[in-house]
Amino acid sequence: MRFQTPLLAIPVKPFGVAKQRLHPRLDAPSRSRLGREVARRTALVASATGATVVFVTGDSGVRRWAESYGYPTLAESRSNRSGLDGAASAVRDHAMELGRPWLVLHADLPLISVNDISALLEPLTSGRPVIAPSYDGGTAALGGHRFVEFAYGSGSYRRHLREVPNAAVIVRPGLAHDLDTVADLDEIVTRPGGQWINQLLATIDSCS
């Protein structure tokens, strides 16, 4: 049995407060631009798979930014929870109302490829939940067809796996390497597919 195309949702914090752990390597305007560009690239790659992509945010600036690129947005306020758990809950509830599978994907995945996202979508369209761990034990992607209680934060992969024990586990570098810290940045720019971040940083430096 094939299911409908999943609703692929990318939660995004206000760009002005995101990526705090990249200080002092990058100042606030540079962190904001880096966050915007990584999120936009993640959405572009996701869209290239044919997925329905939506940004989830509680920030009006992020909403205007997303809509300027033609992406619909979903309000975190649909859920009574806060943070990433609240954003993911809003996605889950909206998708279930539509009778569609849902997939929550981190915005800060600078190495992500079409093949990475296709590897997530294939189990979902076949009726199986899916999960992708980040290298530090977090959850880079989580998708399913039913109610799941979200528990993001340190070590969330194991907690989510208990929620969806029959999930297809997708382990790929493009999904595992998120961008949160200076150490993450230093690692990502050395990896295949990370050269664009070096180029972006050079552009940011030239504008500073």
Protein backbone atom coordinates (compact mmCIF):
# COMPACT_ATOMS: atom_id res chain seq x y z
CA MET A 1 0.00 0.00 0.00
CA ARG A 2 1.30 3.47 -0.93
CA PHE A 3 0.42 6.42 1.26
CA GLN A 4 -0.05 10.04 0.26
CA THR A 5 2.99 12.26 -0.11
CA PRO A 6 4.19 13.14 3.39
CA LEU A 7 3.97 16.68 4.71
CA LEU A 8 7.64 17.59 5.19
CA ALA A 9 7.99 20.28 7.83
CA ILE A 10 11.08 22.28 8.78
CA PRO A 11 10.87 24.04 12.17
CA VAL A 12 12.80 27.33 12.32
CA LYS A 13 13.61 29.58 15.27
CA PRO A 14 13.81 33.36 14.89
CA PHE A 15 17.01 33.96 12.95
CA GLY A 16 18.07 36.74 15.29
CA VAL A 17 18.42 34.37 18.25
CA ALA A 18 19.51 31.18 16.45
CA LYS A 19 23.00 29.68 16.40
CA GLN A 20 24.11 31.27 19.66
CA ARG A 21 26.78 28.60 20.13
CA LEU A 22 28.60 29.84 17.01
CA HIS A 23 29.63 32.93 18.99
CA PRO A 24 32.37 34.26 19.01
CA ARG A 25 33.34 32.74 15.64
CA LEU A 26 30.42 34.60 14.02
CA ASP A 27 28.69 37.79 15.14
CA ALA A 28 24.90 38.03 15.36
CA PRO A 29 24.25 39.28 11.77
CA SER A 30 26.56 36.58 10.37
CA ARG A 31 24.85 33.86 12.41
CA SER A 32 21.48 35.08 11.18
CA ARG A 33 22.56 34.97 7.54
CA LEU A 34 24.14 31.54 7.96
CA GLY A 35 20.93 30.22 9.56
CA ARG A 36 18.79 31.61 6.75
CA GLU A 37 20.99 30.15 4.01
CA VAL A 38 21.25 26.69 5.59
CA ALA A 39 17.47 26.56 6.14
CA ARG A 40 16.78 27.71 2.58
CA ARG A 41 19.13 25.10 1.13
CA THR A 42 17.51 22.37 3.24
CA ALA A 43 14.11 23.40 1.86
CA LEU A 44 15.39 23.53 -1.72
CA VAL A 45 16.83 20.03 -1.46
CA ALA A 46 13.61 18.75 0.11
CA SER A 47 11.51 20.37 -2.61
CA ALA A 48 13.63 18.70 -5.28
CA THR A 49 12.25 15.32 -4.13
CA GLY A 50 8.69 16.43 -4.90
CA ALA A 51 7.80 16.61 -1.21
CA THR A 52 5.34 19.17 0.12
CA VAL A 53 7.56 21.46 2.19
CA VAL A 54 6.30 23.78 4.92
CA PHE A 55 8.17 25.87 7.48
CA VAL A 56 6.98 25.81 11.09
CA THR A 57 7.59 28.92 13.15
CA GLY A 58 6.18 31.20 15.77
CA ASP A 59 8.12 34.19 14.43
CA SER A 60 6.62 36.71 12.00
CA GLY A 61 10.02 37.48 10.47
CA VAL A 62 10.67 33.83 9.67
CA ARG A 63 7.14 33.55 8.28
CA ARG A 64 7.67 36.48 5.91
CA TRP A 65 11.08 35.12 4.88
CA ALA A 66 9.67 31.67 4.08
CA GLU A 67 6.71 33.04 2.18
CA SER A 68 9.02 35.30 0.13
CA TYR A 69 10.48 32.08 -1.31
CA GLY A 70 7.06 30.58 -1.92
CA TYR A 71 6.97 28.22 1.06
CA PRO A 72 3.81 27.94 3.17
CA THR A 73 4.13 28.22 6.93
CA LEU A 74 2.49 26.56 9.88
CA ALA A 75 2.15 28.28 13.25
CA GLU A 76 3.68 26.67 16.33
CA SER A 77 0.68 28.01 18.24
CA ARG A 78 -1.43 25.14 16.91
CA SER A 79 0.16 23.16 19.73
CA ASN A 80 0.07 23.90 23.46
CA ARG A 81 3.73 22.89 23.74
CA SER A 82 6.76 25.11 23.18
CA GLY A 83 10.06 24.83 21.34
CA LEU A 84 10.84 22.02 18.94
CA ASP A 85 8.40 19.69 20.67
CA GLY A 86 5.63 22.22 20.06
CA ALA A 87 6.61 22.76 16.43
CA ALA A 88 6.71 19.03 15.76
CA SER A 89 3.36 18.53 17.51
CA ALA A 90 1.79 21.19 15.28
CA VAL A 91 3.09 19.36 12.20
CA ARG A 92 1.88 15.97 13.40
CA ASP A 93 -1.59 17.27 14.21
CA HIS A 94 -1.97 19.16 10.94
CA ALA A 95 -0.82 16.21 8.83
CA MET A 96 -3.13 13.81 10.65
CA GLU A 97 -6.04 16.19 10.04
CA LEU A 98 -5.19 16.01 6.34
CA GLY A 99 -4.84 12.22 6.46
CA ARG A 100 -1.20 12.42 5.40
CA PRO A 101 2.07 11.10 6.81
CA TRP A 102 4.30 13.69 8.46
CA LEU A 103 8.06 14.21 8.50
CA VAL A 104 9.85 16.67 10.79
CA LEU A 105 13.27 17.61 9.44
CA HIS A 106 15.89 19.83 11.10
CA ALA A 107 16.65 23.05 9.26
CA ASP A 108 20.37 23.09 10.02
CA LEU A 109 21.63 20.22 7.85
CA PRO A 110 24.18 21.79 5.47
CA LEU A 111 25.34 18.46 3.98
CA ILE A 112 21.87 17.13 3.16
CA SER A 113 21.20 15.73 -0.31
CA VAL A 114 18.20 14.66 -2.36
CA ASN A 115 19.21 11.04 -1.77
CA ASP A 116 19.15 11.60 2.00
CA ILE A 117 15.59 12.88 1.91
CA SER A 118 14.49 10.21 -0.55
CA ALA A 119 15.80 7.62 1.91
CA LEU A 120 13.44 9.09 4.53
CA LEU A 121 10.42 9.37 2.24
CA GLU A 122 10.53 5.83 0.89
CA PRO A 123 9.64 4.09 4.18
CA LEU A 124 7.00 6.72 4.93
CA THR A 125 5.17 6.28 1.63
CA SER A 126 5.24 2.52 2.26
CA GLY A 127 3.57 2.91 5.66
CA ARG A 128 6.55 2.67 8.00
CA PRO A 129 7.71 5.35 10.45
CA VAL A 130 11.23 6.67 10.00
CA ILE A 131 13.92 8.18 12.19
CA ALA A 132 17.39 9.58 11.51
CA PRO A 133 19.84 10.11 14.39
CA SER A 134 22.28 12.99 14.52
CA TYR A 135 25.91 12.23 15.31
CA ASP A 136 25.50 13.41 18.94
CA GLY A 137 22.46 11.26 19.74
CA GLY A 138 19.80 13.77 18.78
CA THR A 139 17.03 13.37 16.22
CA ALA A 140 17.65 14.93 12.80
CA ALA A 141 14.44 13.61 11.24
CA LEU A 142 11.35 11.82 12.50
CA GLY A 143 8.29 10.82 10.54
CA GLY A 144 5.20 8.70 10.88
CA HIS A 145 1.49 8.26 10.32
CA ARG A 146 0.10 8.32 13.86
CA PHE A 147 0.37 10.20 17.15
CA VAL A 148 3.90 10.34 18.57
CA GLU A 149 4.92 12.07 21.79
CA PHE A 150 7.92 14.25 20.97
CA ALA A 151 10.86 14.58 23.34
CA TYR A 152 13.56 16.59 21.61
CA GLY A 153 16.76 17.62 23.38
CA SER A 154 19.95 15.85 24.39
CA GLY A 155 19.72 12.10 23.73
CA SER A 156 16.36 12.40 21.98
CA TYR A 157 17.08 9.67 19.43
CA ARG A 158 16.72 6.90 22.02
CA ARG A 159 13.56 8.42 23.47
CA HIS A 160 11.98 8.76 20.04
CA LEU A 161 13.01 5.25 19.06
CA ARG A 162 11.04 3.96 22.04
CA GLU A 163 8.03 5.84 20.65
CA VAL A 164 8.45 4.27 17.19
CA PRO A 165 10.27 0.95 17.79
CA ASN A 166 9.36 -0.32 14.30
CA ALA A 167 10.84 2.72 12.57
CA ALA A 168 13.24 2.48 9.66
CA VAL A 169 16.51 3.92 11.01
CA ILE A 170 18.28 6.02 8.39
CA VAL A 171 21.94 6.72 9.16
CA ARG A 172 23.55 9.03 6.60
CA PRO A 173 26.19 11.77 6.93
CA GLY A 174 23.90 14.35 5.34
CA LEU A 175 21.36 13.76 8.09
CA ALA A 176 23.74 13.16 10.97
CA HIS A 177 25.73 16.40 10.78
CA ASP A 178 23.72 19.34 12.02
CA LEU A 179 25.21 22.78 12.56
CA ASP A 180 25.02 23.97 16.15
CA THR A 181 28.53 24.61 17.44
CA VAL A 182 31.89 25.90 16.26
CA ALA A 183 33.15 22.30 16.30
CA ASP A 184 30.27 21.33 13.99
CA LEU A 185 31.21 24.15 11.63
CA ASP A 186 34.87 23.12 11.55
CA GLU A 187 33.87 19.52 10.80
CA ILE A 188 31.27 20.30 8.14
CA VAL A 189 33.52 22.50 5.99
CA THR A 190 36.00 19.61 5.62
CA ARG A 191 33.41 17.11 4.40
CA PRO A 192 32.24 16.40 0.85
CA GLY A 193 29.37 18.75 0.16
CA GLY A 194 30.50 21.27 2.76
CA GLN A 195 32.43 23.52 0.42
CA TRP A 196 29.43 25.77 -0.11
CA ILE A 197 29.57 26.72 3.56
CA ASN A 198 33.19 27.87 3.12
CA GLN A 199 32.11 29.97 0.16
CA LEU A 200 29.21 31.43 2.12
CA LEU A 201 31.45 32.29 5.06
CA ALA A 202 33.87 34.04 2.70
CA THR A 203 30.99 36.11 1.34
CA ILE A 204 29.80 36.93 4.85
CA ASP A 205 33.33 37.98 5.88
CA SER A 206 33.66 40.23 2.84
CA CYS A 207 30.44 42.03 3.78
CA SER A 208 31.41 42.52 7.43
